[in-house]
Amino acid sequence: MAKLKPLWNDKNTSLGSKSNYSIFLYVCESWTLTADLERRVQALELRCFRKILNISYKDHVTNEEVRTRVKQAIGPYDDLLTTARQRMIHWYGHIFRSSGLAKTILQGTVNGSRRRRRQKKKWGDNIKEWTGLNFSTSQRAVKVRN
């Protein structure tokens, strides 16, 4: 964020250009979105918006007010989590339409047993939540590119 400070402080750069922070979503296709990670991404997004709009935390401006100011300034936009989810679903379709090592890894299972405790969230669990389809149905659905 510190390296973007000169860009965000530049008066000649439009707000729409400043709000294009896709660098934060680098390799988001491989993330497993847990609740903690989702909170962190939302916090980062609001921190960036506050920096772009020159709003200090001492001003006591709510997050909703920050979002409405951004919508007024640049129009409708997709938040970082929505963009990350879209990229993950697109990557999921891309992988299952191809034939390669990534497809084998996503389909394969590892022999052995897991440790006792709550199972950790897997990458495929996110896809199941967002699409509402089980694994085999979603594989058939991605055969059609739409």
N, C-alpha and C. Protein backbone atom coordinates (compact mmCIF):
# COMPACT_ATOMS: atom_id res chain seq x y z
N MET A 1 0.82 -1.19 0.00
CA MET A 1 0.00 0.00 0.00
C MET A 1 0.86 1.26 0.00
N ALA A 2 2.00 1.16 0.66
CA ALA A 2 2.86 2.33 0.76
C ALA A 2 3.40 2.76 -0.61
N LYS A 3 3.64 1.80 -1.49
CA LYS A 3 4.16 2.14 -2.82
C LYS A 3 3.09 2.78 -3.70
N LEU A 4 1.81 2.59 -3.35
CA LEU A 4 0.73 3.21 -4.12
C LEU A 4 0.39 4.61 -3.62
N LYS A 5 1.01 5.05 -2.54
CA LYS A 5 0.70 6.36 -1.96
C LYS A 5 0.89 7.52 -2.94
N PRO A 6 1.99 7.55 -3.73
CA PRO A 6 2.12 8.65 -4.69
C PRO A 6 1.00 8.66 -5.73
N LEU A 7 0.53 7.51 -6.13
CA LEU A 7 -0.57 7.44 -7.09
C LEU A 7 -1.85 7.97 -6.47
N TRP A 8 -2.14 7.55 -5.24
CA TRP A 8 -3.39 7.96 -4.60
C TRP A 8 -3.39 9.45 -4.22
N ASN A 9 -2.21 10.02 -3.98
CA ASN A 9 -2.13 11.44 -3.64
C ASN A 9 -2.09 12.34 -4.87
N ASP A 10 -1.91 11.76 -6.05
CA ASP A 10 -1.82 12.54 -7.28
C ASP A 10 -3.19 13.15 -7.62
N LYS A 11 -3.24 14.44 -7.77
CA LYS A 11 -4.50 15.14 -8.07
C LYS A 11 -4.92 15.00 -9.52
N ASN A 12 -3.98 14.65 -10.41
CA ASN A 12 -4.28 14.54 -11.84
C ASN A 12 -4.86 13.17 -12.22
N THR A 13 -4.76 12.20 -11.34
CA THR A 13 -5.27 10.86 -11.61
C THR A 13 -6.73 10.79 -11.18
N SER A 14 -7.57 10.23 -12.06
CA SER A 14 -8.99 10.15 -11.75
C SER A 14 -9.25 9.13 -10.65
N LEU A 15 -10.39 9.29 -9.99
CA LEU A 15 -10.76 8.39 -8.91
C LEU A 15 -11.01 6.98 -9.42
N GLY A 16 -11.53 6.85 -10.63
CA GLY A 16 -11.76 5.53 -11.22
C GLY A 16 -10.46 4.77 -11.42
N SER A 17 -9.40 5.49 -11.84
CA SER A 17 -8.10 4.84 -12.00
C SER A 17 -7.49 4.46 -10.67
N LYS A 18 -7.71 5.29 -9.68
CA LYS A 18 -7.17 5.00 -8.36
C LYS A 18 -7.86 3.80 -7.73
N SER A 19 -9.12 3.59 -8.06
CA SER A 19 -9.85 2.50 -7.43
C SER A 19 -9.61 1.15 -8.11
N ASN A 20 -8.82 1.13 -9.18
CA ASN A 20 -8.49 -0.13 -9.85
C ASN A 20 -7.29 -0.75 -9.13
N TYR A 21 -7.58 -1.50 -8.08
CA TYR A 21 -6.53 -2.08 -7.25
C TYR A 21 -6.50 -3.58 -7.40
N SER A 22 -6.47 -4.04 -8.63
CA SER A 22 -6.48 -5.48 -8.90
C SER A 22 -5.17 -6.14 -8.47
N ILE A 23 -4.15 -5.36 -8.15
CA ILE A 23 -2.88 -5.94 -7.70
C ILE A 23 -3.08 -6.70 -6.39
N PHE A 24 -4.08 -6.31 -5.60
CA PHE A 24 -4.32 -6.99 -4.33
C PHE A 24 -4.92 -8.38 -4.53
N LEU A 25 -5.45 -8.64 -5.72
CA LEU A 25 -6.06 -9.93 -6.00
C LEU A 25 -5.12 -10.86 -6.75
N TYR A 26 -3.83 -10.62 -6.63
CA TYR A 26 -2.85 -11.44 -7.32
C TYR A 26 -2.99 -12.89 -6.84
N VAL A 27 -3.17 -13.81 -7.73
CA VAL A 27 -3.33 -15.24 -7.50
C VAL A 27 -4.50 -15.57 -6.59
N CYS A 28 -5.55 -14.76 -6.63
CA CYS A 28 -6.70 -15.02 -5.76
C CYS A 28 -7.45 -16.28 -6.18
N GLU A 29 -7.20 -16.77 -7.37
CA GLU A 29 -7.87 -17.97 -7.84
C GLU A 29 -7.53 -19.17 -6.98
N SER A 30 -6.38 -19.15 -6.34
CA SER A 30 -5.95 -20.30 -5.55
C SER A 30 -6.24 -20.14 -4.06
N TRP A 31 -6.81 -19.01 -3.65
CA TRP A 31 -7.12 -18.80 -2.24
C TRP A 31 -8.29 -19.67 -1.81
N THR A 32 -8.28 -20.08 -0.57
CA THR A 32 -9.46 -20.67 0.05
C THR A 32 -10.05 -19.57 0.91
N LEU A 33 -11.21 -19.08 0.54
CA LEU A 33 -11.80 -17.94 1.23
C LEU A 33 -12.47 -18.39 2.53
N THR A 34 -11.78 -18.18 3.62
CA THR A 34 -12.34 -18.43 4.93
C THR A 34 -12.96 -17.13 5.44
N ALA A 35 -13.68 -17.21 6.54
CA ALA A 35 -14.32 -16.02 7.10
C ALA A 35 -13.28 -14.98 7.49
N ASP A 36 -12.15 -15.43 8.04
CA ASP A 36 -11.10 -14.51 8.44
C ASP A 36 -10.51 -13.79 7.24
N LEU A 37 -10.25 -14.53 6.16
CA LEU A 37 -9.69 -13.93 4.96
C LEU A 37 -10.68 -12.95 4.33
N GLU A 38 -11.96 -13.28 4.35
CA GLU A 38 -12.97 -12.37 3.81
C GLU A 38 -13.00 -11.06 4.59
N ARG A 39 -12.90 -11.14 5.91
CA ARG A 39 -12.87 -9.92 6.73
C ARG A 39 -11.64 -9.09 6.41
N ARG A 40 -10.51 -9.74 6.21
CA ARG A 40 -9.28 -9.01 5.90
C ARG A 40 -9.35 -8.31 4.55
N VAL A 41 -9.94 -8.98 3.57
CA VAL A 41 -10.07 -8.39 2.23
C VAL A 41 -11.00 -7.18 2.29
N GLN A 42 -12.10 -7.30 3.02
CA GLN A 42 -13.03 -6.17 3.15
C GLN A 42 -12.37 -5.01 3.88
N ALA A 43 -11.58 -5.30 4.91
CA ALA A 43 -10.89 -4.24 5.64
C ALA A 43 -9.87 -3.54 4.75
N LEU A 44 -9.15 -4.31 3.95
CA LEU A 44 -8.18 -3.72 3.03
C LEU A 44 -8.88 -2.81 2.02
N GLU A 45 -10.01 -3.28 1.50
CA GLU A 45 -10.74 -2.49 0.52
C GLU A 45 -11.19 -1.15 1.12
N LEU A 46 -11.75 -1.19 2.31
CA LEU A 46 -12.20 0.05 2.94
C LEU A 46 -11.03 0.96 3.32
N ARG A 47 -9.92 0.37 3.73
CA ARG A 47 -8.74 1.17 4.03
C ARG A 47 -8.26 1.90 2.78
N CYS A 48 -8.28 1.20 1.64
CA CYS A 48 -7.87 1.82 0.37
C CYS A 48 -8.84 2.94 -0.02
N PHE A 49 -10.13 2.70 0.13
CA PHE A 49 -11.11 3.73 -0.20
C PHE A 49 -10.92 4.97 0.68
N ARG A 50 -10.69 4.75 1.95
CA ARG A 50 -10.46 5.88 2.85
C ARG A 50 -9.21 6.66 2.45
N LYS A 51 -8.19 5.95 2.03
CA LYS A 51 -6.95 6.61 1.61
C LYS A 51 -7.17 7.41 0.33
N ILE A 52 -7.91 6.82 -0.62
CA ILE A 52 -8.17 7.49 -1.89
C ILE A 52 -9.02 8.75 -1.68
N LEU A 53 -10.03 8.66 -0.81
CA LEU A 53 -10.94 9.78 -0.57
C LEU A 53 -10.44 10.75 0.49
N ASN A 54 -9.26 10.50 1.02
CA ASN A 54 -8.69 11.35 2.07
C ASN A 54 -9.58 11.43 3.31
N ILE A 55 -10.07 10.29 3.75
CA ILE A 55 -10.90 10.24 4.94
C ILE A 55 -10.07 9.61 6.06
N SER A 56 -9.89 10.33 7.13
CA SER A 56 -9.14 9.82 8.27
C SER A 56 -10.06 9.01 9.16
N TYR A 57 -9.48 8.10 9.92
CA TYR A 57 -10.28 7.35 10.88
C TYR A 57 -10.77 8.25 12.01
N LYS A 58 -10.10 9.36 12.22
CA LYS A 58 -10.50 10.30 13.26
C LYS A 58 -11.77 11.06 12.88
N ASP A 59 -12.12 11.02 11.59
CA ASP A 59 -13.32 11.73 11.13
C ASP A 59 -14.61 11.00 11.50
N HIS A 60 -14.50 9.77 11.97
CA HIS A 60 -15.66 8.95 12.38
C HIS A 60 -16.69 8.81 11.27
N VAL A 61 -16.22 8.46 10.09
CA VAL A 61 -17.10 8.21 8.95
C VAL A 61 -17.33 6.70 8.88
N THR A 62 -18.58 6.27 8.82
CA THR A 62 -18.88 4.84 8.82
C THR A 62 -18.47 4.21 7.49
N ASN A 63 -18.37 2.89 7.52
CA ASN A 63 -18.00 2.15 6.31
C ASN A 63 -19.06 2.31 5.23
N GLU A 64 -20.32 2.32 5.63
CA GLU A 64 -21.41 2.50 4.65
C GLU A 64 -21.32 3.87 3.99
N GLU A 65 -20.97 4.87 4.76
CA GLU A 65 -20.83 6.22 4.19
C GLU A 65 -19.66 6.26 3.21
N VAL A 66 -18.59 5.57 3.52
CA VAL A 66 -17.44 5.50 2.61
C VAL A 66 -17.86 4.83 1.30
N ARG A 67 -18.62 3.73 1.42
CA ARG A 67 -19.07 3.03 0.20
C ARG A 67 -20.00 3.91 -0.64
N THR A 68 -20.88 4.66 -0.01
CA THR A 68 -21.77 5.54 -0.79
C THR A 68 -20.99 6.66 -1.46
N ARG A 69 -19.98 7.18 -0.80
CA ARG A 69 -19.16 8.22 -1.43
C ARG A 69 -18.42 7.67 -2.64
N VAL A 70 -17.94 6.44 -2.54
CA VAL A 70 -17.23 5.82 -3.67
C VAL A 70 -18.21 5.59 -4.82
N LYS A 71 -19.41 5.11 -4.51
CA LYS A 71 -20.41 4.89 -5.56
C LYS A 71 -20.79 6.19 -6.25
N GLN A 72 -20.88 7.27 -5.49
CA GLN A 72 -21.19 8.57 -6.09
C GLN A 72 -20.04 9.05 -6.97
N ALA A 73 -18.82 8.76 -6.56
CA ALA A 73 -17.66 9.26 -7.30
C ALA A 73 -17.36 8.45 -8.55
N ILE A 74 -17.43 7.11 -8.48
CA ILE A 74 -17.03 6.30 -9.64
C ILE A 74 -18.17 5.49 -10.23
N GLY A 75 -19.32 5.48 -9.59
CA GLY A 75 -20.44 4.70 -10.09
C GLY A 75 -20.44 3.31 -9.50
N PRO A 76 -21.28 2.44 -10.03
CA PRO A 76 -21.34 1.08 -9.48
C PRO A 76 -20.01 0.34 -9.70
N TYR A 77 -19.66 -0.47 -8.74
CA TYR A 77 -18.41 -1.21 -8.81
C TYR A 77 -18.59 -2.55 -8.11
N ASP A 78 -17.73 -3.51 -8.43
CA ASP A 78 -17.72 -4.79 -7.75
C ASP A 78 -16.67 -4.73 -6.64
N ASP A 79 -17.05 -5.18 -5.46
CA ASP A 79 -16.07 -5.18 -4.39
C ASP A 79 -15.03 -6.28 -4.60
N LEU A 80 -13.99 -6.25 -3.80
CA LEU A 80 -12.89 -7.19 -3.98
C LEU A 80 -13.32 -8.64 -3.82
N LEU A 81 -14.19 -8.92 -2.86
CA LEU A 81 -14.62 -10.30 -2.64
C LEU A 81 -15.41 -10.83 -3.83
N THR A 82 -16.27 -10.01 -4.39
CA THR A 82 -17.04 -10.44 -5.57
C THR A 82 -16.11 -10.72 -6.73
N THR A 83 -15.14 -9.86 -6.93
CA THR A 83 -14.17 -10.06 -8.01
C THR A 83 -13.36 -11.33 -7.78
N ALA A 84 -12.94 -11.57 -6.54
CA ALA A 84 -12.18 -12.77 -6.23
C ALA A 84 -13.02 -14.02 -6.48
N ARG A 85 -14.29 -13.99 -6.08
CA ARG A 85 -15.16 -15.15 -6.30
C ARG A 85 -15.36 -15.41 -7.79
N GLN A 86 -15.57 -14.35 -8.56
CA GLN A 86 -15.74 -14.51 -10.00
C GLN A 86 -14.49 -15.12 -10.63
N ARG A 87 -13.33 -14.65 -10.22
CA ARG A 87 -12.08 -15.19 -10.76
C ARG A 87 -11.90 -16.66 -10.40
N MET A 88 -12.28 -17.02 -9.18
CA MET A 88 -12.15 -18.42 -8.76
C MET A 88 -13.07 -19.33 -9.57
N ILE A 89 -14.29 -18.89 -9.81
CA ILE A 89 -15.23 -19.70 -10.58
C ILE A 89 -14.78 -19.82 -12.03
N HIS A 90 -14.26 -18.73 -12.60
CA HIS A 90 -13.74 -18.79 -13.97
C HIS A 90 -12.55 -19.75 -14.05
N TRP A 91 -11.68 -19.69 -13.05
CA TRP A 91 -10.51 -20.56 -13.05
C TRP A 91 -10.94 -22.01 -12.89
N TYR A 92 -11.94 -22.26 -12.07
CA TYR A 92 -12.47 -23.61 -11.87
C TYR A 92 -12.95 -24.18 -13.21
N GLY A 93 -13.71 -23.40 -13.96
CA GLY A 93 -14.17 -23.85 -15.27
C GLY A 93 -13.03 -24.07 -16.23
N HIS A 94 -12.04 -23.19 -16.21
CA HIS A 94 -10.89 -23.31 -17.09
C HIS A 94 -10.12 -24.60 -16.81
N ILE A 95 -9.92 -24.89 -15.54
CA ILE A 95 -9.16 -26.09 -15.17
C ILE A 95 -9.90 -27.36 -15.58
N PHE A 96 -11.20 -27.42 -15.35
CA PHE A 96 -11.93 -28.65 -15.65
C PHE A 96 -12.25 -28.83 -17.12
N ARG A 97 -12.09 -27.78 -17.92
CA ARG A 97 -12.23 -27.95 -19.37
C ARG A 97 -10.91 -28.39 -19.99
N SER A 98 -9.82 -28.20 -19.28
CA SER A 98 -8.51 -28.59 -19.81
C SER A 98 -8.13 -29.98 -19.30
N SER A 99 -7.01 -30.46 -19.77
CA SER A 99 -6.49 -31.72 -19.24
C SER A 99 -5.05 -31.47 -18.85
N GLY A 100 -4.80 -31.52 -17.58
CA GLY A 100 -3.44 -31.26 -17.12
C GLY A 100 -3.28 -31.63 -15.67
N LEU A 101 -2.16 -31.23 -15.12
CA LEU A 101 -1.83 -31.57 -13.75
C LEU A 101 -2.79 -30.91 -12.76
N ALA A 102 -3.17 -29.67 -13.02
CA ALA A 102 -4.07 -28.97 -12.09
C ALA A 102 -5.41 -29.69 -11.98
N LYS A 103 -5.92 -30.19 -13.09
CA LYS A 103 -7.18 -30.93 -13.07
C LYS A 103 -7.03 -32.22 -12.28
N THR A 104 -5.92 -32.90 -12.47
CA THR A 104 -5.66 -34.14 -11.74
C THR A 104 -5.58 -33.88 -10.24
N ILE A 105 -4.94 -32.80 -9.87
CA ILE A 105 -4.80 -32.46 -8.45
C ILE A 105 -6.16 -32.12 -7.84
N LEU A 106 -6.97 -31.34 -8.55
CA LEU A 106 -8.28 -30.97 -8.01
C LEU A 106 -9.22 -32.16 -7.92
N GLN A 107 -9.10 -33.12 -8.82
CA GLN A 107 -9.97 -34.29 -8.79
C GLN A 107 -9.46 -35.37 -7.86
N GLY A 108 -8.17 -35.42 -7.67
CA GLY A 108 -7.57 -36.52 -6.93
C GLY A 108 -7.77 -36.41 -5.43
N THR A 109 -7.53 -37.53 -4.78
CA THR A 109 -7.57 -37.57 -3.33
C THR A 109 -6.26 -38.14 -2.83
N VAL A 110 -5.94 -37.84 -1.63
CA VAL A 110 -4.70 -38.30 -1.03
C VAL A 110 -5.02 -39.47 -0.11
N ASN A 111 -4.24 -40.53 -0.21
CA ASN A 111 -4.44 -41.68 0.67
C ASN A 111 -4.04 -41.33 2.09
N GLY A 112 -4.70 -41.98 3.04
CA GLY A 112 -4.37 -41.75 4.44
C GLY A 112 -5.55 -41.13 5.17
N SER A 113 -5.32 -40.80 6.41
CA SER A 113 -6.41 -40.22 7.21
C SER A 113 -6.00 -38.83 7.68
N ARG A 114 -6.99 -38.06 8.04
CA ARG A 114 -6.75 -36.72 8.53
C ARG A 114 -6.63 -36.75 10.04
N ARG A 115 -6.08 -35.69 10.58
CA ARG A 115 -5.99 -35.58 12.03
C ARG A 115 -7.37 -35.40 12.63
N ARG A 116 -7.48 -35.73 13.89
CA ARG A 116 -8.76 -35.55 14.58
C ARG A 116 -8.92 -34.08 14.93
N ARG A 117 -9.95 -33.48 14.56
CA ARG A 117 -10.42 -32.14 14.88
C ARG A 117 -11.29 -31.69 13.72
N ARG A 118 -11.74 -30.48 13.77
CA ARG A 118 -12.59 -29.97 12.72
C ARG A 118 -11.82 -29.90 11.41
N GLN A 119 -12.45 -30.35 10.34
CA GLN A 119 -11.78 -30.31 9.06
C GLN A 119 -11.65 -28.87 8.58
N LYS A 120 -10.54 -28.61 7.96
CA LYS A 120 -10.32 -27.27 7.43
C LYS A 120 -11.09 -27.10 6.13
N LYS A 121 -11.43 -25.86 5.84
CA LYS A 121 -12.17 -25.55 4.62
C LYS A 121 -11.25 -25.76 3.42
N LYS A 122 -11.78 -26.40 2.39
CA LYS A 122 -11.00 -26.67 1.18
C LYS A 122 -11.44 -25.71 0.07
N TRP A 123 -10.61 -25.61 -0.93
CA TRP A 123 -10.88 -24.72 -2.06
C TRP A 123 -12.19 -25.10 -2.74
N GLY A 124 -12.41 -26.38 -2.93
CA GLY A 124 -13.63 -26.85 -3.58
C GLY A 124 -14.89 -26.55 -2.78
N ASP A 125 -14.75 -26.39 -1.46
CA ASP A 125 -15.91 -26.06 -0.63
C ASP A 125 -16.46 -24.68 -0.99
N ASN A 126 -15.57 -23.75 -1.32
CA ASN A 126 -16.02 -22.42 -1.74
C ASN A 126 -16.87 -22.52 -3.01
N ILE A 127 -16.41 -23.30 -3.97
CA ILE A 127 -17.13 -23.44 -5.23
C ILE A 127 -18.51 -24.06 -4.96
N LYS A 128 -18.56 -25.06 -4.09
CA LYS A 128 -19.85 -25.69 -3.76
C LYS A 128 -20.81 -24.68 -3.14
N GLU A 129 -20.31 -23.83 -2.25
CA GLU A 129 -21.15 -22.83 -1.60
C GLU A 129 -21.71 -21.83 -2.60
N TRP A 130 -20.86 -21.34 -3.48
CA TRP A 130 -21.27 -20.27 -4.39
C TRP A 130 -22.17 -20.75 -5.51
N THR A 131 -21.92 -21.96 -6.00
CA THR A 131 -22.72 -22.45 -7.12
C THR A 131 -23.95 -23.22 -6.65
N GLY A 132 -23.89 -23.79 -5.47
CA GLY A 132 -25.00 -24.59 -4.98
C GLY A 132 -25.04 -25.97 -5.62
N LEU A 133 -23.98 -26.36 -6.30
CA LEU A 133 -23.92 -27.66 -6.98
C LEU A 133 -22.90 -28.55 -6.28
N ASN A 134 -23.14 -29.86 -6.30
CA ASN A 134 -22.13 -30.75 -5.75
C ASN A 134 -21.01 -30.91 -6.78
N PHE A 135 -19.97 -31.64 -6.41
CA PHE A 135 -18.77 -31.70 -7.23
C PHE A 135 -19.01 -32.30 -8.61
N SER A 136 -19.73 -33.40 -8.68
CA SER A 136 -19.94 -34.05 -9.98
C SER A 136 -20.86 -33.22 -10.89
N THR A 137 -21.88 -32.60 -10.31
CA THR A 137 -22.79 -31.76 -11.11
C THR A 137 -22.06 -30.53 -11.63
N SER A 138 -21.21 -29.95 -10.81
CA SER A 138 -20.48 -28.76 -11.26
C SER A 138 -19.48 -29.10 -12.35
N GLN A 139 -18.91 -30.32 -12.32
CA GLN A 139 -17.99 -30.72 -13.39
C GLN A 139 -18.72 -30.84 -14.72
N ARG A 140 -19.94 -31.35 -14.67
CA ARG A 140 -20.72 -31.44 -15.91
C ARG A 140 -21.13 -30.04 -16.37
N ALA A 141 -21.41 -29.15 -15.44
CA ALA A 141 -21.85 -27.81 -15.80
C ALA A 141 -20.74 -26.98 -16.46
N VAL A 142 -19.49 -27.22 -16.07
CA VAL A 142 -18.41 -26.42 -16.63
C VAL A 142 -17.99 -26.89 -18.02
N LYS A 143 -18.50 -28.00 -18.47
CA LYS A 143 -18.20 -28.45 -19.83
C LYS A 143 -18.69 -27.41 -20.85
N VAL A 144 -19.85 -26.78 -20.54
CA VAL A 144 -20.36 -25.70 -21.35
C VAL A 144 -19.73 -24.42 -20.82
N ARG A 145 -19.10 -23.65 -21.65
CA ARG A 145 -18.30 -22.51 -21.22
C ARG A 145 -19.12 -21.45 -20.48
N ASN A 146 -20.39 -21.30 -20.78
CA ASN A 146 -21.20 -20.27 -20.11
C ASN A 146 -21.32 -20.56 -18.62
